[in-house]
PDB file of N, CA and C in Angstrom:
ATOM      1  N   MET A   1     -29.149  14.361 -14.017  1.00  0.00           N
ATOM      2  CA  MET A   1     -27.927  14.623 -13.267  1.00  0.00           C
ATOM      3  C   MET A   1     -26.855  13.601 -13.659  1.00  0.00           C
ATOM      4  N   ALA A   2     -25.629  14.064 -13.843  1.00  0.00           N
ATOM      5  CA  ALA A   2     -24.533  13.178 -14.271  1.00  0.00           C
ATOM      6  C   ALA A   2     -24.206  12.155 -13.193  1.00  0.00           C
ATOM      7  N   MET A   3     -23.675  11.016 -13.619  1.00  0.00           N
ATOM      8  CA  MET A   3     -23.263   9.974 -12.688  1.00  0.00           C
ATOM      9  C   MET A   3     -21.819   9.593 -13.002  1.00  0.00           C
ATOM     10  N   LYS A   4     -20.976   9.618 -11.965  1.00  0.00           N
ATOM     11  CA  LYS A   4     -19.573   9.245 -12.137  1.00  0.00           C
ATOM     12  C   LYS A   4     -19.417   7.771 -11.762  1.00  0.00           C
ATOM     13  N   LEU A   5     -18.757   7.023 -12.639  1.00  0.00           N
ATOM     14  CA  LEU A   5     -18.573   5.593 -12.439  1.00  0.00           C
ATOM     15  C   LEU A   5     -17.110   5.269 -12.189  1.00  0.00           C
ATOM     16  N   TYR A   6     -16.891   4.309 -11.287  1.00  0.00           N
ATOM     17  CA  TYR A   6     -15.563   3.743 -11.078  1.00  0.00           C
ATOM     18  C   TYR A   6     -15.440   2.533 -11.999  1.00  0.00           C
ATOM     19  N   VAL A   7     -14.340   2.428 -12.722  1.00  0.00           N
ATOM     20  CA  VAL A   7     -14.101   1.291 -13.606  1.00  0.00           C
ATOM     21  C   VAL A   7     -12.782   0.657 -13.182  1.00  0.00           C
ATOM     22  N   GLY A   8     -12.862  -0.550 -12.636  1.00  0.00           N
ATOM     23  CA  GLY A   8     -11.673  -1.209 -12.116  1.00  0.00           C
ATOM     24  C   GLY A   8     -11.290  -2.445 -12.910  1.00  0.00           C
ATOM     25  N   ASN A   9     -10.103  -2.966 -12.611  1.00  0.00           N
ATOM     26  CA  ASN A   9      -9.536  -4.156 -13.237  1.00  0.00           C
ATOM     27  C   ASN A   9      -9.255  -3.938 -14.728  1.00  0.00           C
ATOM     28  N   LEU A  10      -8.825  -2.720 -15.052  1.00  0.00           N
ATOM     29  CA  LEU A  10      -8.495  -2.407 -16.448  1.00  0.00           C
ATOM     30  C   LEU A  10      -7.154  -3.006 -16.831  1.00  0.00           C
ATOM     31  N   SER A  11      -7.038  -3.410 -18.081  1.00  0.00           N
ATOM     32  CA  SER A  11      -5.745  -3.799 -18.637  1.00  0.00           C
ATOM     33  C   SER A  11      -4.853  -2.553 -18.621  1.00  0.00           C
ATOM     34  N   PHE A  12      -3.563  -2.744 -18.403  1.00  0.00           N
ATOM     35  CA  PHE A  12      -2.654  -1.589 -18.359  1.00  0.00           C
ATOM     36  C   PHE A  12      -2.512  -0.934 -19.729  1.00  0.00           C
ATOM     37  N   GLN A  13      -2.982  -1.603 -20.783  1.00  0.00           N
ATOM     38  CA  GLN A  13      -2.929  -1.028 -22.129  1.00  0.00           C
ATOM     39  C   GLN A  13      -4.162  -0.159 -22.429  1.00  0.00           C
ATOM     40  N   THR A  14      -5.194  -0.227 -21.582  1.00  0.00           N
ATOM     41  CA  THR A  14      -6.429   0.517 -21.836  1.00  0.00           C
ATOM     42  C   THR A  14      -6.187   2.016 -21.661  1.00  0.00           C
ATOM     43  N   SER A  15      -6.638   2.801 -22.645  1.00  0.00           N
ATOM     44  CA  SER A  15      -6.465   4.253 -22.598  1.00  0.00           C
ATOM     45  C   SER A  15      -7.793   4.933 -22.232  1.00  0.00           C
ATOM     46  N   SER A  16      -7.711   6.212 -21.931  1.00  0.00           N
ATOM     47  CA  SER A  16      -8.918   7.004 -21.660  1.00  0.00           C
ATOM     48  C   SER A  16      -9.842   6.988 -22.878  1.00  0.00           C
ATOM     49  N   GLU A  17      -9.243   7.022 -24.077  1.00  0.00           N
ATOM     50  CA  GLU A  17     -10.046   6.998 -25.308  1.00  0.00           C
ATOM     51  C   GLU A  17     -10.800   5.666 -25.437  1.00  0.00           C
ATOM     52  N   ASP A  18     -10.132   4.557 -25.046  1.00  0.00           N
ATOM     53  CA  ASP A  18     -10.798   3.243 -25.076  1.00  0.00           C
ATOM     54  C   ASP A  18     -12.031   3.252 -24.175  1.00  0.00           C
ATOM     55  N   LEU A  19     -11.885   3.825 -22.981  1.00  0.00           N
ATOM     56  CA  LEU A  19     -13.024   3.898 -22.049  1.00  0.00           C
ATOM     57  C   LEU A  19     -14.147   4.735 -22.652  1.00  0.00           C
ATOM     58  N   GLN A  20     -13.773   5.867 -23.218  1.00  0.00           N
ATOM     59  CA  GLN A  20     -14.745   6.772 -23.841  1.00  0.00           C
ATOM     60  C   GLN A  20     -15.552   6.017 -24.901  1.00  0.00           C
ATOM     61  N   GLN A  21     -14.872   5.300 -25.774  1.00  0.00           N
ATOM     62  CA  GLN A  21     -15.545   4.584 -26.862  1.00  0.00           C
ATOM     63  C   GLN A  21     -16.425   3.456 -26.327  1.00  0.00           C
ATOM     64  N   LEU A  22     -15.918   2.715 -25.330  1.00  0.00           N
ATOM     65  CA  LEU A  22     -16.689   1.602 -24.778  1.00  0.00           C
ATOM     66  C   LEU A  22     -17.980   2.099 -24.132  1.00  0.00           C
ATOM     67  N   PHE A  23     -17.857   3.088 -23.247  1.00  0.00           N
ATOM     68  CA  PHE A  23     -19.013   3.538 -22.483  1.00  0.00           C
ATOM     69  C   PHE A  23     -19.994   4.349 -23.318  1.00  0.00           C
ATOM     70  N   ALA A  24     -19.558   4.855 -24.476  1.00  0.00           N
ATOM     71  CA  ALA A  24     -20.469   5.563 -25.382  1.00  0.00           C
ATOM     72  C   ALA A  24     -21.572   4.626 -25.872  1.00  0.00           C
ATOM     73  N   GLN A  25     -21.340   3.313 -25.809  1.00  0.00           N
ATOM     74  CA  GLN A  25     -22.362   2.342 -26.202  1.00  0.00           C
ATOM     75  C   GLN A  25     -23.572   2.391 -25.260  1.00  0.00           C
ATOM     76  N   ALA A  26     -23.364   2.896 -24.034  1.00  0.00           N
ATOM     77  CA  ALA A  26     -24.442   2.943 -23.054  1.00  0.00           C
ATOM     78  C   ALA A  26     -25.088   4.324 -22.961  1.00  0.00           C
ATOM     79  N   GLY A  27     -24.497   5.329 -23.618  1.00  0.00           N
ATOM     80  CA  GLY A  27     -25.067   6.673 -23.544  1.00  0.00           C
ATOM     81  C   GLY A  27     -23.998   7.736 -23.739  1.00  0.00           C
ATOM     82  N   THR A  28     -24.351   8.958 -23.338  1.00  0.00           N
ATOM     83  CA  THR A  28     -23.449  10.093 -23.526  1.00  0.00           C
ATOM     84  C   THR A  28     -22.382  10.121 -22.442  1.00  0.00           C
ATOM     85  N   VAL A  29     -21.123  10.104 -22.877  1.00  0.00           N
ATOM     86  CA  VAL A  29     -19.999  10.139 -21.948  1.00  0.00           C
ATOM     87  C   VAL A  29     -19.536  11.586 -21.807  1.00  0.00           C
ATOM     88  N   GLU A  30     -19.612  12.113 -20.586  1.00  0.00           N
ATOM     89  CA  GLU A  30     -19.148  13.485 -20.320  1.00  0.00           C
ATOM     90  C   GLU A  30     -17.621  13.523 -20.235  1.00  0.00           C
ATOM     91  N   SER A  31     -17.042  12.510 -19.578  1.00  0.00           N
ATOM     92  CA  SER A  31     -15.582  12.429 -19.467  1.00  0.00           C
ATOM     93  C   SER A  31     -15.187  10.989 -19.168  1.00  0.00           C
ATOM     94  N   ALA A  32     -13.966  10.647 -19.546  1.00  0.00           N
ATOM     95  CA  ALA A  32     -13.425   9.316 -19.271  1.00  0.00           C
ATOM     96  C   ALA A  32     -11.934   9.459 -19.039  1.00  0.00           C
ATOM     97  N   SER A  33     -11.435   8.861 -17.967  1.00  0.00           N
ATOM     98  CA  SER A  33      -9.999   8.962 -17.698  1.00  0.00           C
ATOM     99  C   SER A  33      -9.495   7.711 -16.996  1.00  0.00           C
ATOM    100  N   VAL A  34      -8.335   7.254 -17.449  1.00  0.00           N
ATOM    101  CA  VAL A  34      -7.629   6.166 -16.799  1.00  0.00           C
ATOM    102  C   VAL A  34      -6.662   6.817 -15.812  1.00  0.00           C
ATOM    103  N   VAL A  35      -6.644   6.355 -14.570  1.00  0.00           N
ATOM    104  CA  VAL A  35      -5.760   6.931 -13.560  1.00  0.00           C
ATOM    105  C   VAL A  35      -4.350   6.388 -13.766  1.00  0.00           C
ATOM    106  N   GLU A  36      -3.382   7.310 -13.791  1.00  0.00           N
ATOM    107  CA  GLU A  36      -1.993   6.930 -14.036  1.00  0.00           C
ATOM    108  C   GLU A  36      -1.140   7.202 -12.813  1.00  0.00           C
ATOM    109  N   ASP A  37      -0.092   6.422 -12.673  1.00  0.00           N
ATOM    110  CA  ASP A  37       0.877   6.628 -11.605  1.00  0.00           C
ATOM    111  C   ASP A  37       1.575   7.964 -11.824  1.00  0.00           C
ATOM    112  N   ARG A  38       1.640   8.758 -10.773  1.00  0.00           N
ATOM    113  CA  ARG A  38       2.212  10.104 -10.870  1.00  0.00           C
ATOM    114  C   ARG A  38       3.680  10.069 -11.307  1.00  0.00           C
ATOM    115  N   ASP A  39       4.437   9.086 -10.815  1.00  0.00           N
ATOM    116  CA  ASP A  39       5.875   9.041 -11.103  1.00  0.00           C
ATOM    117  C   ASP A  39       6.194   8.399 -12.445  1.00  0.00           C
ATOM    118  N   THR A  40       5.544   7.276 -12.759  1.00  0.00           N
ATOM    119  CA  THR A  40       5.911   6.525 -13.964  1.00  0.00           C
ATOM    120  C   THR A  40       5.031   6.839 -15.162  1.00  0.00           C
ATOM    121  N   GLY A  41       3.826   7.388 -14.935  1.00  0.00           N
ATOM    122  CA  GLY A  41       2.913   7.666 -16.038  1.00  0.00           C
ATOM    123  C   GLY A  41       2.184   6.422 -16.531  1.00  0.00           C
ATOM    124  N   ARG A  42       2.417   5.276 -15.883  1.00  0.00           N
ATOM    125  CA  ARG A  42       1.740   4.028 -16.281  1.00  0.00           C
ATOM    126  C   ARG A  42       0.357   3.961 -15.652  1.00  0.00           C
ATOM    127  N   SER A  43      -0.528   3.240 -16.324  1.00  0.00           N
ATOM    128  CA  SER A  43      -1.882   3.051 -15.814  1.00  0.00           C
ATOM    129  C   SER A  43      -1.840   2.353 -14.459  1.00  0.00           C
ATOM    130  N   ARG A  44      -2.748   2.739 -13.563  1.00  0.00           N
ATOM    131  CA  ARG A  44      -2.855   2.071 -12.270  1.00  0.00           C
ATOM    132  C   ARG A  44      -3.943   0.996 -12.310  1.00  0.00           C
ATOM    133  N   GLY A  45      -4.534   0.775 -13.488  1.00  0.00           N
ATOM    134  CA  GLY A  45      -5.488  -0.323 -13.638  1.00  0.00           C
ATOM    135  C   GLY A  45      -6.923   0.025 -13.283  1.00  0.00           C
ATOM    136  N   PHE A  46      -7.202   1.318 -13.128  1.00  0.00           N
ATOM    137  CA  PHE A  46      -8.592   1.742 -12.911  1.00  0.00           C
ATOM    138  C   PHE A  46      -8.787   3.137 -13.459  1.00  0.00           C
ATOM    139  N   GLY A  47     -10.051   3.523 -13.575  1.00  0.00           N
ATOM    140  CA  GLY A  47     -10.344   4.845 -14.108  1.00  0.00           C
ATOM    141  C   GLY A  47     -11.750   5.274 -13.736  1.00  0.00           C
ATOM    142  N   PHE A  48     -12.163   6.395 -14.295  1.00  0.00           N
ATOM    143  CA  PHE A  48     -13.483   6.954 -14.012  1.00  0.00           C
ATOM    144  C   PHE A  48     -14.135   7.398 -15.309  1.00  0.00           C
ATOM    145  N   VAL A  49     -15.432   7.157 -15.383  1.00  0.00           N
ATOM    146  CA  VAL A  49     -16.218   7.595 -16.533  1.00  0.00           C
ATOM    147  C   VAL A  49     -17.406   8.357 -15.978  1.00  0.00           C
ATOM    148  N   GLU A  50     -17.666   9.542 -16.523  1.00  0.00           N
ATOM    149  CA  GLU A  50     -18.830  10.315 -16.111  1.00  0.00           C
ATOM    150  C   GLU A  50     -19.874  10.248 -17.215  1.00  0.00           C
ATOM    151  N   MET A  51     -21.018   9.668 -16.881  1.00  0.00           N
ATOM    152  CA  MET A  51     -22.126   9.561 -17.830  1.00  0.00           C
ATOM    153  C   MET A  51     -23.033  10.770 -17.659  1.00  0.00           C
ATOM    154  N   ALA A  52     -23.727  11.179 -18.741  1.00  0.00           N
ATOM    155  CA  ALA A  52     -24.525  12.404 -18.741  1.00  0.00           C
ATOM    156  C   ALA A  52     -25.702  12.351 -17.771  1.00  0.00           C
ATOM    157  N   SER A  53     -26.260  11.158 -17.533  1.00  0.00           N
ATOM    158  CA  SER A  53     -27.403  11.056 -16.618  1.00  0.00           C
ATOM    159  C   SER A  53     -27.261   9.826 -15.745  1.00  0.00           C
ATOM    160  N   SER A  54     -27.990   9.799 -14.634  1.00  0.00           N
ATOM    161  CA  SER A  54     -27.928   8.637 -13.750  1.00  0.00           C
ATOM    162  C   SER A  54     -28.530   7.407 -14.434  1.00  0.00           C
ATOM    163  N   GLU A  55     -29.501   7.619 -15.340  1.00  0.00           N
ATOM    164  CA  GLU A  55     -30.088   6.492 -16.078  1.00  0.00           C
ATOM    165  C   GLU A  55     -29.029   5.838 -16.972  1.00  0.00           C
ATOM    166  N   GLU A  56     -28.253   6.688 -17.669  1.00  0.00           N
ATOM    167  CA  GLU A  56     -27.192   6.159 -18.529  1.00  0.00           C
ATOM    168  C   GLU A  56     -26.091   5.508 -17.692  1.00  0.00           C
ATOM    169  N   GLY A  57     -25.827   6.085 -16.539  1.00  0.00           N
ATOM    170  CA  GLY A  57     -24.834   5.498 -15.637  1.00  0.00           C
ATOM    171  C   GLY A  57     -25.257   4.120 -15.178  1.00  0.00           C
ATOM    172  N   GLN A  58     -26.524   3.981 -14.790  1.00  0.00           N
ATOM    173  CA  GLN A  58     -27.047   2.689 -14.344  1.00  0.00           C
ATOM    174  C   GLN A  58     -27.005   1.678 -15.489  1.00  0.00           C
ATOM    175  N   LYS A  59     -27.353   2.134 -16.678  1.00  0.00           N
ATOM    176  CA  LYS A  59     -27.312   1.254 -17.858  1.00  0.00           C
ATOM    177  C   LYS A  59     -25.883   0.763 -18.105  1.00  0.00           C
ATOM    178  N   ALA A  60     -24.911   1.669 -17.975  1.00  0.00           N
ATOM    179  CA  ALA A  60     -23.511   1.300 -18.183  1.00  0.00           C
ATOM    180  C   ALA A  60     -23.047   0.279 -17.140  1.00  0.00           C
ATOM    181  N   ILE A  61     -23.462   0.452 -15.887  1.00  0.00           N
ATOM    182  CA  ILE A  61     -23.099  -0.509 -14.836  1.00  0.00           C
ATOM    183  C   ILE A  61     -23.638  -1.893 -15.205  1.00  0.00           C
ATOM    184  N   GLU A  62     -24.930  -1.936 -15.556  1.00  0.00           N
ATOM    185  CA  GLU A  62     -25.546  -3.216 -15.902  1.00  0.00           C
ATOM    186  C   GLU A  62     -24.910  -3.831 -17.145  1.00  0.00           C
ATOM    187  N   GLN A  63     -24.549  -2.990 -18.105  1.00  0.00           N
ATOM    188  CA  GLN A  63     -24.023  -3.472 -19.372  1.00  0.00           C
ATOM    189  C   GLN A  63     -22.573  -3.954 -19.277  1.00  0.00           C
ATOM    190  N   PHE A  64     -21.749  -3.276 -18.443  1.00  0.00           N
ATOM    191  CA  PHE A  64     -20.316  -3.554 -18.476  1.00  0.00           C
ATOM    192  C   PHE A  64     -19.736  -4.218 -17.233  1.00  0.00           C
ATOM    193  N   ASN A  65     -20.413  -4.159 -16.093  1.00  0.00           N
ATOM    194  CA  ASN A  65     -19.856  -4.766 -14.888  1.00  0.00           C
ATOM    195  C   ASN A  65     -19.717  -6.276 -15.087  1.00  0.00           C
ATOM    196  N   GLY A  66     -18.493  -6.786 -14.875  1.00  0.00           N
ATOM    197  CA  GLY A  66     -18.239  -8.218 -15.017  1.00  0.00           C
ATOM    198  C   GLY A  66     -17.966  -8.676 -16.441  1.00  0.00           C
ATOM    199  N   THR A  67     -18.005  -7.752 -17.415  1.00  0.00           N
ATOM    200  CA  THR A  67     -17.765  -8.152 -18.810  1.00  0.00           C
ATOM    201  C   THR A  67     -16.283  -8.042 -19.151  1.00  0.00           C
ATOM    202  N   ASP A  68     -15.864  -8.820 -20.144  1.00  0.00           N
ATOM    203  CA  ASP A  68     -14.466  -8.841 -20.574  1.00  0.00           C
ATOM    204  C   ASP A  68     -14.172  -7.639 -21.478  1.00  0.00           C
ATOM    205  N   PHE A  69     -13.093  -6.921 -21.166  1.00  0.00           N
ATOM    206  CA  PHE A  69     -12.620  -5.824 -22.005  1.00  0.00           C
ATOM    207  C   PHE A  69     -11.099  -5.874 -22.005  1.00  0.00           C
ATOM    208  N   ASN A  70     -10.513  -6.027 -23.185  1.00  0.00           N
ATOM    209  CA  ASN A  70      -9.056  -6.162 -23.320  1.00  0.00           C
ATOM    210  C   ASN A  70      -8.501  -7.290 -22.445  1.00  0.00           C
ATOM    211  N   GLY A  71      -9.269  -8.384 -22.335  1.00  0.00           N
ATOM    212  CA  GLY A  71      -8.797  -9.552 -21.604  1.00  0.00           C
ATOM    213  C   GLY A  71      -8.980  -9.510 -20.100  1.00  0.00           C
ATOM    214  N   ARG A  72      -9.692  -8.517 -19.585  1.00  0.00           N
ATOM    215  CA  ARG A  72      -9.912  -8.410 -18.138  1.00  0.00           C
ATOM    216  C   ARG A  72     -11.407  -8.236 -17.878  1.00  0.00           C
ATOM    217  N   ASN A  73     -11.911  -8.851 -16.790  1.00  0.00           N
ATOM    218  CA  ASN A  73     -13.310  -8.662 -16.406  1.00  0.00           C
ATOM    219  C   ASN A  73     -13.433  -7.355 -15.629  1.00  0.00           C
ATOM    220  N   LEU A  74     -14.180  -6.410 -16.188  1.00  0.00           N
ATOM    221  CA  LEU A  74     -14.304  -5.080 -15.594  1.00  0.00           C
ATOM    222  C   LEU A  74     -15.126  -5.097 -14.313  1.00  0.00           C
ATOM    223  N   THR A  75     -14.772  -4.212 -13.407  1.00  0.00           N
ATOM    224  CA  THR A  75     -15.583  -3.904 -12.237  1.00  0.00           C
ATOM    225  C   THR A  75     -16.116  -2.492 -12.465  1.00  0.00           C
ATOM    226  N   VAL A  76     -17.435  -2.364 -12.551  1.00  0.00           N
ATOM    227  CA  VAL A  76     -18.027  -1.044 -12.800  1.00  0.00           C
ATOM    228  C   VAL A  76     -19.074  -0.782 -11.729  1.00  0.00           C
ATOM    229  N   ASN A  77     -18.926   0.321 -11.011  1.00  0.00           N
ATOM    230  CA  ASN A  77     -19.948   0.729 -10.051  1.00  0.00           C
ATOM    231  C   ASN A  77     -19.931   2.241  -9.883  1.00  0.00           C
ATOM    232  N   GLU A  78     -20.911   2.739  -9.157  1.00  0.00           N
ATOM    233  CA  GLU A  78     -20.979   4.185  -8.954  1.00  0.00           C
ATOM    234  C   GLU A  78     -19.799   4.626  -8.105  1.00  0.00           C
ATOM    235  N   ALA A  79     -19.098   5.654  -8.561  1.00  0.00           N
ATOM    236  CA  ALA A  79     -17.923   6.148  -7.830  1.00  0.00           C
ATOM    237  C   ALA A  79     -18.371   6.777  -6.526  1.00  0.00           C
ATOM    238  N   ARG A  80     -17.555   6.601  -5.508  1.00  0.00           N
ATOM    239  CA  ARG A  80     -17.814   7.215  -4.200  1.00  0.00           C
ATOM    240  C   ARG A  80     -16.847   8.379  -4.020  1.00  0.00           C
ATOM    241  N   PRO A  81     -17.276   9.410  -3.300  1.00  0.00           N
ATOM    242  CA  PRO A  81     -16.363  10.548  -3.081  1.00  0.00           C
ATOM    243  C   PRO A  81     -15.101  10.101  -2.362  1.00  0.00           C
ATOM    244  N   ARG A  82     -13.986  10.717  -2.696  1.00  0.00           N
ATOM    245  CA  ARG A  82     -12.689  10.347  -2.119  1.00  0.00           C
ATOM    246  C   ARG A  82     -12.707  10.460  -0.599  1.00  0.00           C
ATOM    247  N   GLU A  83     -13.413  11.461  -0.047  1.00  0.00           N
ATOM    248  CA  GLU A  83     -13.429  11.652   1.400  1.00  0.00           C
ATOM    249  C   GLU A  83     -13.980  10.411   2.103  1.00  0.00           C
ATOM    250  N   ASP A  84     -15.014   9.808   1.528  1.00  0.00           N
ATOM    251  CA  ASP A  84     -15.600   8.617   2.151  1.00  0.00           C
ATOM    252  C   ASP A  84     -14.593   7.482   2.184  1.00  0.00           C
ATOM    253  N   ARG A  85     -13.947   7.232   1.045  1.00  0.00           N
ATOM    254  CA  ARG A  85     -12.986   6.122   0.993  1.00  0.00           C
ATOM    255  C   ARG A  85     -11.857   6.375   1.988  1.00  0.00           C
ATOM    256  N   GLY A  86     -11.362   7.619   2.036  1.00  0.00           N
ATOM    257  CA  GLY A  86     -10.269   7.931   2.952  1.00  0.00           C
ATOM    258  C   GLY A  86     -10.693   7.743   4.390  1.00  0.00           C
ATOM    259  N   GLY A  87     -11.920   8.114   4.710  1.00  0.00           N
ATOM    260  CA  GLY A  87     -12.418   7.970   6.075  1.00  0.00           C
ATOM    261  C   GLY A  87     -12.464   6.513   6.490  1.00  0.00           C
ATOM    262  N   ARG A  88     -12.981   5.673   5.606  1.00  0.00           N
ATOM    263  CA  ARG A  88     -13.047   4.248   5.943  1.00  0.00           C
ATOM    264  C   ARG A  88     -11.648   3.675   6.077  1.00  0.00           C
ATOM    265  N   GLY A  89     -10.747   4.073   5.178  1.00  0.00           N
ATOM    266  CA  GLY A  89      -9.379   3.565   5.245  1.00  0.00           C
ATOM    267  C   GLY A  89      -8.713   3.986   6.545  1.00  0.00           C
ATOM    268  N   GLY A  90      -8.945   5.225   6.942  1.00  0.00           N
ATOM    269  CA  GLY A  90      -8.379   5.718   8.199  1.00  0.00           C
ATOM    270  C   GLY A  90      -8.933   4.942   9.378  1.00  0.00           C
ATOM    271  N   GLY A  91     -10.219   4.643   9.337  1.00  0.00           N
ATOM    272  CA  GLY A  91     -10.835   3.865  10.409  1.00  0.00           C
ATOM    273  C   GLY A  91     -10.209   2.490  10.482  1.00  0.00           C
ATOM    274  N   GLY A  92      -9.966   1.889   9.311  1.00  0.00           N
ATOM    275  CA  GLY A  92      -9.344   0.571   9.285  1.00  0.00           C
ATOM    276  C   GLY A  92      -7.953   0.627   9.902  1.00  0.00           C
ATOM    277  N   GLY A  93      -7.229   1.703   9.596  1.00  0.00           N
ATOM    278  CA  GLY A  93      -5.895   1.852  10.164  1.00  0.00           C
ATOM    279  C   GLY A  93      -5.961   1.950  11.677  1.00  0.00           C
ATOM    280  N   GLY A  94      -6.953   2.680  12.174  1.00  0.00           N
ATOM    281  CA  GLY A  94      -7.127   2.808  13.621  1.00  0.00           C
ATOM    282  C   GLY A  94      -7.437   1.464  14.244  1.00  0.00           C
ATOM    283  N   ASN A  95      -8.280   0.687  13.575  1.00  0.00           N
ATOM    284  CA  ASN A  95      -8.624  -0.623  14.116  1.00  0.00           C
ATOM    285  C   ASN A  95      -7.403  -1.534  14.154  1.00  0.00           C
ATOM    286  N   ARG A  96      -6.593  -1.475  13.111  1.00  0.00           N
ATOM    287  CA  ARG A  96      -5.400  -2.326  13.102  1.00  0.00           C
ATOM    288  C   ARG A  96      -4.476  -1.914  14.240  1.00  0.00           C
ATOM    289  N   GLY A  97      -4.350  -0.619  14.452  1.00  0.00           N
ATOM    290  CA  GLY A  97      -3.509  -0.153  15.550  1.00  0.00           C
ATOM    291  C   GLY A  97      -4.060  -0.650  16.878  1.00  0.00           C
ATOM    292  N   GLY A  98      -5.378  -0.610  17.012  1.00  0.00           N
ATOM    293  CA  GLY A  98      -6.019  -1.093  18.245  1.00  0.00           C
ATOM    294  C   GLY A  98      -5.749  -2.566  18.434  1.00  0.00           C
ATOM    295  N   GLY A  99      -5.756  -3.322  17.333  1.00  0.00           N
ATOM    296  CA  GLY A  99      -5.492  -4.759  17.428  1.00  0.00           C
ATOM    297  C   GLY A  99      -4.111  -4.999  17.993  1.00  0.00           C
ATOM    298  N   GLY A 100      -3.153  -4.187  17.543  1.00  0.00           N
ATOM    299  CA  GLY A 100      -1.799  -4.324  18.063  1.00  0.00           C
ATOM    300  C   GLY A 100      -1.765  -4.033  19.555  1.00  0.00           C
ATOM    301  N   GLY A 101      -2.512  -3.015  19.959  1.00  0.00           N
ATOM    302  CA  GLY A 101      -2.567  -2.661  21.378  1.00  0.00           C
ATOM    303  C   GLY A 101      -3.174  -3.783  22.204  1.00  0.00           C
ATOM    304  N   ARG A 102      -4.239  -4.365  21.694  1.00  0.00           N
ATOM    305  CA  ARG A 102      -4.872  -5.471  22.418  1.00  0.00           C
ATOM    306  C   ARG A 102      -3.929  -6.652  22.517  1.00  0.00           C
ATOM    307  N   GLY A 103      -3.186  -6.897  21.426  1.00  0.00           N
ATOM    308  CA  GLY A 103      -2.235  -8.010  21.445  1.00  0.00           C
ATOM    309  C   GLY A 103      -1.209  -7.790  22.550  1.00  0.00           C
ATOM    310  N   GLY A 104      -0.709  -6.569  22.646  1.00  0.00           N
ATOM    311  CA  GLY A 104       0.269  -6.264  23.690  1.00  0.00           C
ATOM    312  C   GLY A 104      -0.351  -6.417  25.064  1.00  0.00           C
ATOM    313  N   GLY A 105      -1.597  -5.965  25.193  1.00  0.00           N
ATOM    314  CA  GLY A 105      -2.290  -6.076  26.484  1.00  0.00           C
ATOM    315  C   GLY A 105      -2.463  -7.531  26.879  1.00  0.00           C
ATOM    316  N   TYR A 106      -2.765  -8.370  25.925  1.00  0.00           N
ATOM    317  CA  TYR A 106      -2.965  -9.790  26.203  1.00  0.00           C
ATOM    318  C   TYR A 106      -1.669 -10.408  26.720  1.00  0.00           C
ATOM    319  N   GLY A 107      -0.561 -10.066  26.026  1.00  0.00           N
ATOM    320  CA  GLY A 107       0.733 -10.594  26.475  1.00  0.00           C
ATOM    321  C   GLY A 107       1.055 -10.107  27.878  1.00  0.00           C
ATOM    322  N   GLY A 108       0.759  -8.830  28.142  1.00  0.00           N
ATOM    323  CA  GLY A 108       0.996  -8.284  29.479  1.00  0.00           C
ATOM    324  C   GLY A 108       0.120  -8.984  30.505  1.00  0.00           C
ATOM    325  N   GLY A 109      -1.110  -9.275  30.121  1.00  0.00           N
ATOM    326  CA  GLY A 109      -2.024  -9.967  31.044  1.00  0.00           C
ATOM    327  C   GLY A 109      -1.491 -11.339  31.388  1.00  0.00           C
ATOM    328  N   GLY A 110      -0.932 -12.025  30.397  1.00  0.00           N
ATOM    329  CA  GLY A 110      -0.368 -13.350  30.651  1.00  0.00           C
ATOM    330  C   GLY A 110       0.741 -13.267  31.679  1.00  0.00           C
ATOM    331  N   GLY A 111       1.590 -12.247  31.521  1.00  0.00           N
ATOM    332  CA  GLY A 111       2.679 -12.070  32.474  1.00  0.00           C
ATOM    333  C   GLY A 111       2.139 -11.800  33.869  1.00  0.00           C
ATOM    334  N   GLY A 112       1.058 -11.020  33.929  1.00  0.00           N
ATOM    335  CA  GLY A 112       0.450 -10.701  35.221  1.00  0.00           C
ATOM    336  C   GLY A 112      -0.055 -11.964  35.907  1.00  0.00           C
ATOM    337  N   ARG A 113      -0.649 -12.844  35.171  1.00  0.00           N
ATOM    338  CA  ARG A 113      -1.166 -14.092  35.761  1.00  0.00           C
ATOM    339  C   ARG A 113      -0.023 -14.930  36.316  1.00  0.00           C
ATOM    340  N   ASP A 114       1.065 -14.972  35.563  1.00  0.00           N
ATOM    341  CA  ASP A 114       2.219 -15.751  36.038  1.00  0.00           C
ATOM    342  C   ASP A 114       2.729 -15.184  37.362  1.00  0.00           C
ATOM    343  N   ASP A 115       2.801 -13.849  37.435  1.00  0.00           N
ATOM    344  CA  ASP A 115       3.273 -13.213  38.666  1.00  0.00           C
ATOM    345  C   ASP A 115       2.348 -13.553  39.825  1.00  0.00           C
ATOM    346  N   ARG A 116       1.055 -13.483  39.588  1.00  0.00           N
ATOM    347  CA  ARG A 116       0.092 -13.749  40.646  1.00  0.00           C
ATOM    348  C   ARG A 116       0.202 -15.194  41.123  1.00  0.00           C
ATOM    349  N   SER A 117       0.376 -16.144  40.180  1.00  0.00           N
ATOM    350  CA  SER A 117       0.416 -17.537  40.602  1.00  0.00           C
ATOM    351  C   SER A 117       1.649 -17.796  41.471  1.00  0.00           C
ATOM    352  N   SER A 118       2.770 -17.107  41.207  1.00  0.00           N
ATOM    353  CA  SER A 118       3.916 -17.363  42.078  1.00  0.00           C
ATOM    354  C   SER A 118       3.712 -16.735  43.455  1.00  0.00           C
ATOM    355  N   ARG A 119       2.937 -15.617  43.495  1.00  0.00           N
ATOM    356  CA  ARG A 119       2.707 -14.973  44.794  1.00  0.00           C
ATOM    357  C   ARG A 119       1.793 -15.809  45.669  1.00  0.00           C
ATOM    358  N   TRP A 120       0.823 -16.458  45.064  1.00  0.00           N
ATOM    359  CA  TRP A 120      -0.159 -17.163  45.903  1.00  0.00           C
ATOM    360  C   TRP A 120       0.293 -18.547  46.112  1.00  0.00           C
TER     361      TRP A 120
END
């Protein structure tokens, strides 16, 4: 079964063909693509490589994660589905919003204590 890999910390000069050639050293590459900015067409500094088997994918992770390529230390790991990443990001956003709410509640609580102390 094929394994899709996330490849991060790419040099902005790295092309999809560069990824294809590099990862071919670890096995059969089904596809390789550098993610580009939709508006400018420039590399966003990461990409995806699909290896033909999970064994080849694991070999590529071990072989290339943390190694220097075009002057940058690569981050290579198994890609996660976009839905999972979005879900976690959304949860983080909710937590940050909650933090703001708690902060407001704390300030309100302080005001409440001041009011009570003047009453008693």
